[in-house]
Amino acid sequence: GTGGEDGTAQQPPQQEAVVSPELLVDALSGHEDGLLAIAERLMEHYDAGYDAMGEAIIDAFADVQKLFQHVVEAAHMEGAAFEASRREEEMKQLKKQ
């Protein structure tokens, strides 16, 4: 038959995420190539319809949200530990006077 330019005709059953959390983070960080990559992915999967595209973005955002939550929690714990040790230092200084 006539082979198209796109290589594979049918999609593999295990489909990778259209928009990965990494792409989203790049885009949200202001990396233009991140935004372009997302736009390209969405255009490639355009035939799947708006629903699939929207779901892909929502899924990726959910993953990003979890990621940020971990980062924020970790930073909070670090900050709390830092505050505690700083207060301890201040108390030592005050006692010396």
C-alpha atoms as a PDB file:
ATOM      1  CA  GLY A   1       0.000   0.000   0.000  1.00  0.00           C
ATOM      2  CA  THR A   2       0.987   3.643   0.048  1.00  0.00           C
ATOM      3  CA  GLY A   3       2.996   4.516   3.148  1.00  0.00           C
ATOM      4  CA  GLY A   4       2.280   7.873   4.729  1.00  0.00           C
ATOM      5  CA  GLU A   5       4.845  10.260   6.154  1.00  0.00           C
ATOM      6  CA  ASP A   6       3.739   9.646   9.728  1.00  0.00           C
ATOM      7  CA  GLY A   7       5.352   6.235  10.064  1.00  0.00           C
ATOM      8  CA  THR A   8       2.879   4.330  12.231  1.00  0.00           C
ATOM      9  CA  ALA A   9      -0.707   4.155  11.015  1.00  0.00           C
ATOM     10  CA  GLN A  10      -2.479   2.839  14.116  1.00  0.00           C
ATOM     11  CA  GLN A  11      -1.860   4.060  17.660  1.00  0.00           C
ATOM     12  CA  PRO A  12      -0.391   1.671  20.236  1.00  0.00           C
ATOM     13  CA  PRO A  13      -2.937   0.629  22.890  1.00  0.00           C
ATOM     14  CA  GLN A  14      -0.801   2.066  25.717  1.00  0.00           C
ATOM     15  CA  GLN A  15      -0.939   5.778  25.020  1.00  0.00           C
ATOM     16  CA  GLU A  16       1.447   8.187  26.722  1.00  0.00           C
ATOM     17  CA  ALA A  17       0.112  11.372  28.260  1.00  0.00           C
ATOM     18  CA  VAL A  18      -0.592  14.012  25.652  1.00  0.00           C
ATOM     19  CA  VAL A  19       0.535  16.740  28.023  1.00  0.00           C
ATOM     20  CA  SER A  20       3.054  15.666  30.631  1.00  0.00           C
ATOM     21  CA  PRO A  21       3.375  17.436  33.984  1.00  0.00           C
ATOM     22  CA  GLU A  22       6.939  18.340  33.001  1.00  0.00           C
ATOM     23  CA  LEU A  23       5.673  20.161  29.929  1.00  0.00           C
ATOM     24  CA  LEU A  24       3.184  22.050  32.050  1.00  0.00           C
ATOM     25  CA  VAL A  25       5.797  23.054  34.591  1.00  0.00           C
ATOM     26  CA  ASP A  26       8.004  24.327  31.765  1.00  0.00           C
ATOM     27  CA  ALA A  27       5.108  26.273  30.314  1.00  0.00           C
ATOM     28  CA  LEU A  28       4.103  27.698  33.687  1.00  0.00           C
ATOM     29  CA  SER A  29       7.711  28.676  34.308  1.00  0.00           C
ATOM     30  CA  GLY A  30       7.493  30.846  31.229  1.00  0.00           C
ATOM     31  CA  HIS A  31       9.515  28.593  28.933  1.00  0.00           C
ATOM     32  CA  GLU A  32       8.113  29.336  25.521  1.00  0.00           C
ATOM     33  CA  ASP A  33       9.170  25.963  24.144  1.00  0.00           C
ATOM     34  CA  GLY A  34       7.048  24.356  26.851  1.00  0.00           C
ATOM     35  CA  LEU A  35       3.982  26.216  25.649  1.00  0.00           C
ATOM     36  CA  LEU A  36       4.787  25.449  22.018  1.00  0.00           C
ATOM     37  CA  ALA A  37       5.269  21.769  22.800  1.00  0.00           C
ATOM     38  CA  ILE A  38       1.879  21.627  24.497  1.00  0.00           C
ATOM     39  CA  ALA A  39       0.217  23.376  21.566  1.00  0.00           C
ATOM     40  CA  GLU A  40       1.875  20.953  19.140  1.00  0.00           C
ATOM     41  CA  ARG A  41       0.804  17.926  21.172  1.00  0.00           C
ATOM     42  CA  LEU A  42      -2.769  19.173  21.268  1.00  0.00           C
ATOM     43  CA  MET A  43      -2.774  19.766  17.518  1.00  0.00           C
ATOM     44  CA  GLU A  44      -1.406  16.252  16.929  1.00  0.00           C
ATOM     45  CA  HIS A  45      -4.205  14.770  19.017  1.00  0.00           C
ATOM     46  CA  TYR A  46      -6.823  17.136  17.645  1.00  0.00           C
ATOM     47  CA  ASP A  47      -8.711  14.294  15.986  1.00  0.00           C
ATOM     48  CA  ALA A  48      -9.341  12.808  19.444  1.00  0.00           C
ATOM     49  CA  GLY A  49     -11.542  15.828  20.089  1.00  0.00           C
ATOM     50  CA  TYR A  50     -11.693  18.598  22.637  1.00  0.00           C
ATOM     51  CA  ASP A  51     -12.749  16.270  25.472  1.00  0.00           C
ATOM     52  CA  ALA A  52      -9.595  14.175  25.230  1.00  0.00           C
ATOM     53  CA  MET A  53      -7.448  17.300  24.999  1.00  0.00           C
ATOM     54  CA  GLY A  54      -9.154  18.893  27.985  1.00  0.00           C
ATOM     55  CA  GLU A  55      -8.844  15.730  30.041  1.00  0.00           C
ATOM     56  CA  ALA A  56      -5.159  15.481  29.183  1.00  0.00           C
ATOM     57  CA  ILE A  57      -4.539  19.006  30.431  1.00  0.00           C
ATOM     58  CA  ILE A  58      -6.640  18.497  33.562  1.00  0.00           C
ATOM     59  CA  ASP A  59      -4.775  15.259  34.356  1.00  0.00           C
ATOM     60  CA  ALA A  60      -1.428  16.960  33.895  1.00  0.00           C
ATOM     61  CA  PHE A  61      -2.512  19.856  36.101  1.00  0.00           C
ATOM     62  CA  ALA A  62      -3.607  17.417  38.806  1.00  0.00           C
ATOM     63  CA  ASP A  63      -0.128  15.850  38.724  1.00  0.00           C
ATOM     64  CA  VAL A  64       1.507  19.267  38.833  1.00  0.00           C
ATOM     65  CA  GLN A  65      -0.689  20.239  41.776  1.00  0.00           C
ATOM     66  CA  LYS A  66       0.437  17.143  43.695  1.00  0.00           C
ATOM     67  CA  LEU A  67       4.030  17.977  42.837  1.00  0.00           C
ATOM     68  CA  PHE A  68       3.699  21.558  44.077  1.00  0.00           C
ATOM     69  CA  GLN A  69       1.960  20.349  47.217  1.00  0.00           C
ATOM     70  CA  HIS A  70       4.953  18.155  48.044  1.00  0.00           C
ATOM     71  CA  VAL A  71       7.335  21.018  47.338  1.00  0.00           C
ATOM     72  CA  VAL A  72       5.351  23.425  49.496  1.00  0.00           C
ATOM     73  CA  GLU A  73       5.089  20.924  52.345  1.00  0.00           C
ATOM     74  CA  ALA A  74       8.807  20.208  52.185  1.00  0.00           C
ATOM     75  CA  ALA A  75       9.631  23.914  52.131  1.00  0.00           C
ATOM     76  CA  HIS A  76       7.286  24.491  55.058  1.00  0.00           C
ATOM     77  CA  MET A  77       9.007  21.801  57.112  1.00  0.00           C
ATOM     78  CA  GLU A  78      12.428  23.163  56.199  1.00  0.00           C
ATOM     79  CA  GLY A  79      11.296  26.650  57.161  1.00  0.00           C
ATOM     80  CA  ALA A  80       9.877  25.483  60.464  1.00  0.00           C
ATOM     81  CA  ALA A  81      13.088  23.656  61.320  1.00  0.00           C
ATOM     82  CA  PHE A  82      15.110  26.725  60.362  1.00  0.00           C
ATOM     83  CA  GLU A  83      12.913  28.979  62.529  1.00  0.00           C
ATOM     84  CA  ALA A  84      13.233  26.627  65.493  1.00  0.00           C
ATOM     85  CA  SER A  85      17.022  26.544  65.334  1.00  0.00           C
ATOM     86  CA  ARG A  86      17.141  30.311  64.900  1.00  0.00           C
ATOM     87  CA  ARG A  87      14.992  30.844  67.969  1.00  0.00           C
ATOM     88  CA  GLU A  88      17.222  28.491  69.910  1.00  0.00           C
ATOM     89  CA  GLU A  89      20.238  30.568  68.906  1.00  0.00           C
ATOM     90  CA  GLU A  90      18.504  33.775  69.974  1.00  0.00           C
ATOM     91  CA  MET A  91      17.658  32.284  73.365  1.00  0.00           C
ATOM     92  CA  LYS A  92      21.295  31.267  73.858  1.00  0.00           C
ATOM     93  CA  GLN A  93      22.409  34.791  72.986  1.00  0.00           C
ATOM     94  CA  LEU A  94      19.914  36.320  75.410  1.00  0.00           C
ATOM     95  CA  LYS A  95      20.993  34.022  78.244  1.00  0.00           C
ATOM     96  CA  LYS A  96      24.627  35.009  77.709  1.00  0.00           C
ATOM     97  CA  GLN A  97      23.869  38.697  78.340  1.00  0.00           C
END
